[in-house]
């Protein structure tokens, strides 16, 4: 997955109002489908979909898997 510059990541986080919006924006920036992101991050598509729609309370391991997949820190999954 292509990493965002720090400036682009900050802009993305500032534009997002929720963690789900950050996750959707990261995926959109990467130009990948939800199913692809879920499989490659090692989580279920249902989990990714729920998180992108601001449902559920994910385990830290799920957030770490997504952060690792997108090449960011866990804190970067939240709006700035």
Foldseek 3Di string as FASTA:
>chain_A
DDADDPVVLLVQLQVDDFLLSSLVVLCVVVVDDLCVLQVQLVHHSVVNVCVNVVHDDDDVSSLVSNCVSSVHDSVSSHHD
